[in-house]
């Protein structure tokens, strides 16, 4: 855990799976007040953001709708919120509110032609800068077995990391959910055919990423496999490129750079401060790192020579008769 002022929050980038956190006890300090029943989300075009916790209370006490900003600790064992008076938060979701479990979990996933693809067995959420985002829906065999309380069997078949990676659909490919009904009873629809998701051109993904804010961009970019992420990174605007790379671990950046040719890698790294370039190059194969550095140095030398010649020319112009 890391401390930020008076708040205690999980480390940035922490993943959660909806089925593992539903039912978690909710506390105010050491006092248990109920269990997490659902998340309220705002459905964005590329990612969805959690805005409230819907907390069920026992013994006939009315449920609470707690703003996400009140959460201080969240793990699969406990959720601690900072409330002065819980009774101020009594209430249920308003009409049009989207509940993540109610609207998405166990719904069928349909392609654009209305054909059934699979069932949403779980939902992945990512914590970034104290905000919780919905990043993927899980239609994997592992997700199914986990829901059937056969998690040990699932692990014997395949590791959770591999299975989730190959059996999840990014939220960006889900059509906007309906907001004009109190409880969604229909199916979840994809924006694209499932089999074509991995075939979306890198330049199109780059356009999508450039439209997002920084935290949403990180959520989506981290869903891409290394090769696709590397190709997409090359297509992104340099300013966005710089901000994105600065938020990634150096090992991750090095893996992406390693997928590129030395020339492509030099173009990407040239936008970064030299100390970052040096740290990334150390993580690469020595031969490739040397080639990349030579290209960067060559480009920098050309720029310096051009600038020197330009300044010399300008100074010479000032000395021409009648100049000024």
Protein backbone atom coordinates (compact mmCIF):
# COMPACT_ATOMS: atom_id res chain seq x y z
CA UNK A 1 0.00 0.00 0.00
CA UNK A 2 1.11 3.57 -0.52
CA UNK A 3 0.05 6.61 1.49
CA UNK A 4 -1.09 9.85 -0.11
CA UNK A 5 -1.70 12.49 2.55
CA UNK A 6 -4.32 11.04 4.89
CA UNK A 7 -5.51 8.52 2.31
CA UNK A 8 -4.39 4.94 2.01
CA UNK A 9 -4.89 3.53 -1.47
CA UNK A 10 -3.75 0.41 -3.36
CA UNK A 11 -0.79 0.77 -5.67
CA UNK A 12 -1.52 2.37 -9.04
CA UNK A 13 -2.38 -0.12 -11.74
CA UNK A 14 -3.86 -2.61 -9.27
CA UNK A 15 -6.27 -4.96 -11.10
CA UNK A 16 -9.50 -6.22 -9.58
CA UNK A 17 -12.02 -8.76 -10.78
CA UNK A 18 -15.64 -7.96 -10.01
CA UNK A 19 -16.58 -11.43 -8.75
CA UNK A 20 -13.67 -11.41 -6.30
CA UNK A 21 -14.67 -8.14 -4.68
CA UNK A 22 -18.47 -8.35 -4.66
CA UNK A 23 -19.64 -9.22 -1.16
CA UNK A 24 -16.56 -7.69 0.46
CA UNK A 25 -17.28 -6.21 3.89
CA UNK A 26 -17.42 -2.42 4.02
CA UNK A 27 -16.11 -0.61 7.12
CA UNK A 28 -16.06 2.87 8.60
CA UNK A 29 -12.82 2.62 10.57
CA UNK A 30 -13.32 -0.63 12.53
CA UNK A 31 -17.12 -0.68 12.30
CA UNK A 32 -18.66 -3.01 9.72
CA UNK A 33 -21.59 -1.35 7.96
CA UNK A 34 -22.45 -3.78 5.16
CA UNK A 35 -21.24 -5.57 2.04
CA UNK A 36 -20.45 -4.37 -1.47
CA UNK A 37 -23.42 -5.27 -3.65
CA UNK A 38 -22.48 -3.52 -6.89
CA UNK A 39 -20.59 -0.67 -8.53
CA UNK A 40 -22.26 2.28 -10.22
CA UNK A 41 -20.43 3.26 -13.41
CA UNK A 42 -20.44 6.02 -15.99
CA UNK A 43 -20.20 4.31 -19.38
CA UNK A 44 -17.60 6.09 -21.48
CA UNK A 45 -16.94 5.32 -25.12
CA UNK A 46 -13.54 3.74 -24.45
CA UNK A 47 -13.60 2.91 -20.72
CA UNK A 48 -16.17 3.11 -17.95
CA UNK A 49 -15.48 4.80 -14.61
CA UNK A 50 -16.80 3.74 -11.21
CA UNK A 51 -18.61 6.61 -9.48
CA UNK A 52 -20.31 4.94 -6.48
CA UNK A 53 -20.40 1.81 -4.34
CA UNK A 54 -23.82 0.27 -3.77
CA UNK A 55 -23.63 -1.21 -0.25
CA UNK A 56 -26.17 -3.70 1.13
CA UNK A 57 -26.84 -3.50 4.87
CA UNK A 58 -28.28 -6.35 6.99
CA UNK A 59 -31.24 -6.43 9.41
CA UNK A 60 -33.48 -4.38 7.16
CA UNK A 61 -31.33 -1.25 7.16
CA UNK A 62 -31.64 0.62 3.82
CA UNK A 63 -28.79 0.33 1.32
CA UNK A 64 -26.14 3.01 0.92
CA UNK A 65 -24.90 4.72 -2.23
CA UNK A 66 -21.35 5.82 -1.38
CA UNK A 67 -19.29 8.05 -3.73
CA UNK A 68 -16.05 6.45 -4.90
CA UNK A 69 -14.10 9.43 -3.51
CA UNK A 70 -14.96 8.24 0.00
CA UNK A 71 -13.05 4.97 -0.43
CA UNK A 72 -9.77 4.87 1.53
CA UNK A 73 -8.84 1.19 1.32
CA UNK A 74 -10.05 -1.46 -1.12
CA UNK A 75 -8.90 -5.07 -1.17
CA UNK A 76 -10.72 -8.35 -1.71
CA UNK A 77 -10.89 -8.68 2.11
CA UNK A 78 -12.12 -5.24 3.14
CA UNK A 79 -13.27 -1.87 1.88
CA UNK A 80 -12.81 1.08 4.21
CA UNK A 81 -14.74 4.30 3.57
CA UNK A 82 -14.52 7.70 5.22
CA UNK A 83 -18.02 8.81 6.20
CA UNK A 84 -19.07 11.08 9.04
CA UNK A 85 -22.68 9.90 8.95
CA UNK A 86 -23.67 6.85 6.84
CA UNK A 87 -27.35 7.79 7.02
CA UNK A 88 -26.64 10.72 4.69
CA UNK A 89 -25.90 8.20 1.94
CA UNK A 90 -29.06 6.14 2.18
CA UNK A 91 -30.56 5.51 -1.24
CA UNK A 92 -30.56 3.37 -4.32
CA UNK A 93 -29.46 3.98 -7.90
CA UNK A 94 -31.49 6.54 -9.79
CA UNK A 95 -33.29 5.71 -13.02
CA UNK A 96 -30.74 5.51 -15.79
CA UNK A 97 -27.91 4.55 -13.42
CA UNK A 98 -25.72 1.71 -14.71
CA UNK A 99 -24.92 -1.06 -12.23
CA UNK A 100 -21.96 -3.15 -13.25
CA UNK A 101 -23.10 -6.51 -11.91
CA UNK A 102 -26.73 -5.98 -12.80
CA UNK A 103 -26.09 -4.71 -16.33
CA UNK A 104 -23.03 -6.66 -17.45
CA UNK A 105 -22.21 -9.77 -15.41
CA UNK A 106 -23.65 -13.01 -16.85
CA UNK A 107 -24.97 -11.22 -19.94
CA UNK A 108 -24.45 -12.71 -23.39
CA UNK A 109 -21.92 -11.02 -25.64
CA UNK A 110 -23.25 -10.58 -29.17
CA UNK A 111 -21.39 -9.56 -32.30
CA UNK A 112 -22.68 -6.94 -34.72
CA UNK A 113 -24.76 -9.53 -36.53
CA UNK A 114 -26.55 -10.46 -33.31
CA UNK A 115 -24.87 -13.84 -33.03
CA UNK A 116 -23.94 -15.06 -29.56
CA UNK A 117 -20.21 -14.93 -28.86
CA UNK A 118 -20.00 -15.93 -25.19
CA UNK A 119 -21.09 -14.95 -21.69
CA UNK A 120 -19.52 -12.34 -19.43
CA UNK A 121 -18.22 -14.37 -16.50
CA UNK A 122 -16.30 -11.56 -14.89
CA UNK A 123 -15.32 -7.92 -15.29
CA UNK A 124 -11.80 -6.55 -14.89
CA UNK A 125 -11.26 -3.18 -13.22
CA UNK A 126 -8.05 -1.14 -13.05
CA UNK A 127 -7.09 1.46 -10.44
CA UNK A 128 -5.34 4.52 -11.85
CA UNK A 129 -4.67 7.78 -9.95
CA UNK A 130 -7.30 6.98 -7.31
CA UNK A 131 -9.94 6.34 -9.98
CA UNK A 132 -11.38 2.91 -10.72
CA UNK A 133 -12.01 2.05 -14.37
CA UNK A 134 -13.74 -0.87 -16.08
CA UNK A 135 -11.22 -2.10 -18.63
CA UNK A 136 -12.33 -5.53 -19.88
CA UNK A 137 -15.06 -8.13 -19.77
CA UNK A 138 -13.90 -11.68 -19.15
CA UNK A 139 -15.40 -14.44 -21.32
CA UNK A 140 -12.59 -16.93 -20.66
CA UNK A 141 -12.84 -20.55 -19.58
CA UNK A 142 -10.93 -19.56 -16.47
CA UNK A 143 -13.60 -16.98 -15.66
CA UNK A 144 -16.31 -19.61 -16.10
CA UNK A 145 -14.60 -22.16 -13.86
CA UNK A 146 -13.93 -19.52 -11.22
CA UNK A 147 -17.64 -18.63 -11.18
CA UNK A 148 -18.38 -22.33 -10.70
CA UNK A 149 -16.05 -22.29 -7.67
CA UNK A 150 -13.57 -24.48 -9.55
CA UNK A 151 -10.66 -22.07 -9.36
CA UNK A 152 -8.15 -24.80 -8.53
CA UNK A 153 -9.23 -26.79 -11.57
CA UNK A 154 -8.94 -23.68 -13.73
CA UNK A 155 -5.36 -23.13 -12.58
CA UNK A 156 -4.45 -26.69 -13.50
CA UNK A 157 -5.82 -26.18 -17.01
CA UNK A 158 -4.12 -22.87 -17.65
CA UNK A 159 -2.59 -20.00 -15.72
CA UNK A 160 -4.98 -17.12 -14.96
CA UNK A 161 -2.68 -14.61 -16.64
CA UNK A 162 -2.62 -16.46 -19.95
CA UNK A 163 -6.29 -17.33 -19.88
CA UNK A 164 -7.49 -13.84 -19.04
CA UNK A 165 -5.25 -12.35 -21.71
CA UNK A 166 -6.71 -14.61 -24.39
CA UNK A 167 -10.30 -14.54 -23.16
CA UNK A 168 -11.08 -10.90 -22.45
CA UNK A 169 -12.65 -8.16 -24.54
CA UNK A 170 -11.62 -4.52 -23.99
CA UNK A 171 -14.43 -2.25 -22.85
CA UNK A 172 -13.74 -0.03 -25.86
CA UNK A 173 -15.30 -2.72 -28.06
CA UNK A 174 -18.57 -2.79 -26.11
CA UNK A 175 -21.44 -0.70 -27.44
CA UNK A 176 -22.80 1.97 -25.05
CA UNK A 177 -25.17 0.43 -22.52
CA UNK A 178 -28.81 1.54 -22.33
CA UNK A 179 -29.54 4.21 -19.72
CA UNK A 180 -33.31 4.64 -20.04
CA UNK A 181 -34.38 1.53 -18.12
CA UNK A 182 -34.11 0.72 -14.43
CA UNK A 183 -32.52 -2.72 -14.88
CA UNK A 184 -30.88 -4.00 -18.03
CA UNK A 185 -32.25 -7.41 -19.05
CA UNK A 186 -30.78 -7.59 -22.54
CA UNK A 187 -27.42 -8.67 -23.88
CA UNK A 188 -24.07 -6.91 -24.17
CA UNK A 189 -23.17 -6.05 -27.76
CA UNK A 190 -19.78 -5.65 -29.34
CA UNK A 191 -18.85 -2.74 -31.59
CA UNK A 192 -16.76 -5.08 -33.71
CA UNK A 193 -16.77 -8.77 -34.46
CA UNK A 194 -14.89 -10.70 -31.81
CA UNK A 195 -12.54 -12.38 -34.27
CA UNK A 196 -11.48 -9.00 -35.72
CA UNK A 197 -10.63 -7.25 -32.46
CA UNK A 198 -6.94 -8.10 -32.64
CA UNK A 199 -6.86 -7.05 -36.31
CA UNK A 200 -7.70 -3.37 -35.78
CA UNK A 201 -4.89 -1.38 -37.45
CA UNK A 202 -2.36 0.28 -35.18
CA UNK A 203 -3.02 3.67 -36.73
CA UNK A 204 -6.71 3.41 -35.78
CA UNK A 205 -5.83 2.42 -32.23
CA UNK A 206 -3.44 5.36 -32.08
CA UNK A 207 -6.29 7.71 -33.04
CA UNK A 208 -8.45 6.22 -30.28
CA UNK A 209 -5.72 6.61 -27.67
CA UNK A 210 -5.07 10.23 -28.62
CA UNK A 211 -8.72 11.09 -27.93
CA UNK A 212 -8.59 9.85 -24.32
CA UNK A 213 -7.33 11.51 -21.19
CA UNK A 214 -4.04 10.23 -19.80
CA UNK A 215 -5.39 7.72 -17.28
CA UNK A 216 -7.89 6.21 -19.71
CA UNK A 217 -5.13 5.98 -22.31
CA UNK A 218 -2.98 3.93 -19.92
CA UNK A 219 -5.86 1.57 -19.17
CA UNK A 220 -6.37 0.79 -22.86
CA UNK A 221 -2.71 0.73 -23.89
CA UNK A 222 -1.86 -1.82 -21.20
CA UNK A 223 -4.42 -4.22 -22.68
CA UNK A 224 -2.48 -4.57 -25.93
CA UNK A 225 -0.02 -7.38 -26.53
CA UNK A 226 3.62 -6.35 -26.92
CA UNK A 227 3.74 -6.43 -30.72
CA UNK A 228 0.47 -4.54 -31.17
CA UNK A 229 1.40 -2.03 -28.49
CA UNK A 230 4.79 -1.43 -30.14
CA UNK A 231 3.23 -0.83 -33.56
CA UNK A 232 0.61 1.46 -32.03
CA UNK A 233 3.20 3.45 -30.09
CA UNK A 234 4.96 4.35 -33.33
CA UNK A 235 1.74 5.85 -34.72
CA UNK A 236 0.93 8.05 -31.74
CA UNK A 237 1.49 11.81 -31.75
CA UNK A 238 4.94 12.62 -30.23
CA UNK A 239 3.48 14.68 -27.37
CA UNK A 240 1.13 11.86 -26.40
CA UNK A 241 3.94 9.38 -27.00
CA UNK A 242 6.17 11.16 -24.50
CA UNK A 243 3.47 11.30 -21.81
CA UNK A 244 2.55 7.66 -22.35
CA UNK A 245 6.12 6.36 -22.21
CA UNK A 246 6.89 8.37 -19.08
CA UNK A 247 4.06 6.54 -17.28
CA UNK A 248 5.20 3.06 -18.24
CA UNK A 249 7.79 0.96 -16.46
CA UNK A 250 11.19 1.05 -18.14
CA UNK A 251 11.09 -2.74 -18.68
CA UNK A 252 7.76 -2.40 -20.49
CA UNK A 253 9.11 0.38 -22.70
CA UNK A 254 12.23 -1.65 -23.45
CA UNK A 255 10.08 -4.61 -24.53
CA UNK A 256 8.13 -2.33 -26.89
CA UNK A 257 11.32 -0.76 -28.28
CA UNK A 258 12.81 -4.21 -28.83
CA UNK A 259 9.99 -4.94 -31.30
CA UNK A 260 11.05 -1.99 -33.48
CA UNK A 261 13.86 -1.56 -35.98
CA UNK A 262 16.77 0.59 -34.74
CA UNK A 263 15.55 3.49 -36.89
CA UNK A 264 12.00 3.28 -35.56
CA UNK A 265 13.29 2.94 -32.00
CA UNK A 266 15.52 5.99 -32.43
CA UNK A 267 12.56 8.08 -33.62
CA UNK A 268 10.55 7.14 -30.53
CA UNK A 269 13.36 7.50 -28.00
CA UNK A 270 14.56 10.80 -29.46
CA UNK A 271 11.59 12.59 -27.86
CA UNK A 272 12.62 11.52 -24.35
CA UNK A 273 15.09 13.08 -21.91
CA UNK A 274 18.54 11.55 -22.30
CA UNK A 275 18.56 9.97 -18.82
CA UNK A 276 15.41 8.03 -19.71
CA UNK A 277 16.90 6.97 -23.05
CA UNK A 278 20.04 5.78 -21.28
CA UNK A 279 18.03 3.72 -18.77
CA UNK A 280 15.98 2.08 -21.53
CA UNK A 281 19.00 1.32 -23.72
CA UNK A 282 20.62 -0.52 -20.81
CA UNK A 283 17.72 -2.97 -20.84
CA UNK A 284 18.19 -3.82 -24.54
CA UNK A 285 20.61 -6.12 -26.29
CA UNK A 286 23.98 -4.32 -26.36
CA UNK A 287 24.33 -4.52 -30.15
CA UNK A 288 20.86 -3.14 -30.82
CA UNK A 289 21.27 -0.47 -28.15
CA UNK A 290 24.50 0.68 -29.80
CA UNK A 291 22.82 0.97 -33.22
CA UNK A 292 19.94 2.97 -31.77
CA UNK A 293 22.29 5.34 -29.94
CA UNK A 294 24.36 5.88 -33.09
CA UNK A 295 21.23 6.86 -35.04
CA UNK A 296 20.09 9.24 -32.28
CA UNK A 297 23.56 10.81 -32.08
CA UNK A 298 23.67 11.18 -35.88
CA UNK A 299 20.28 12.93 -35.97
CA UNK A 300 21.31 15.24 -33.12
CA UNK A 301 24.57 16.08 -34.91
CA UNK A 302 22.63 16.95 -38.09
CA UNK A 303 20.32 19.22 -36.12
CA UNK A 304 23.26 20.96 -34.44
CA UNK A 305 25.04 21.43 -37.78
CA UNK A 306 21.87 22.79 -39.37
CA UNK A 307 21.30 25.20 -36.50
CA UNK A 308 24.92 26.36 -36.62
CA UNK A 309 24.77 26.93 -40.36
CA UNK A 310 21.47 28.77 -40.05
CA UNK A 311 22.82 31.08 -37.34
CA UNK A 312 26.00 31.69 -39.30
CA UNK A 313 23.94 32.54 -42.38
CA UNK A 314 21.73 34.86 -40.40
CA UNK A 315 24.76 36.64 -38.93
CA UNK A 316 26.25 36.99 -42.40
CA UNK A 317 22.98 38.47 -43.67
CA UNK A 318 23.12 41.09 -40.92
CA UNK A 319 26.48 42.21 -42.27
CA UNK A 320 25.28 42.67 -45.84
CA UNK A 321 25.12 46.23 -47.06
CA UNK A 322 21.71 47.67 -46.38
CA UNK A 323 20.68 44.87 -44.05
CA UNK A 324 18.59 45.80 -41.01
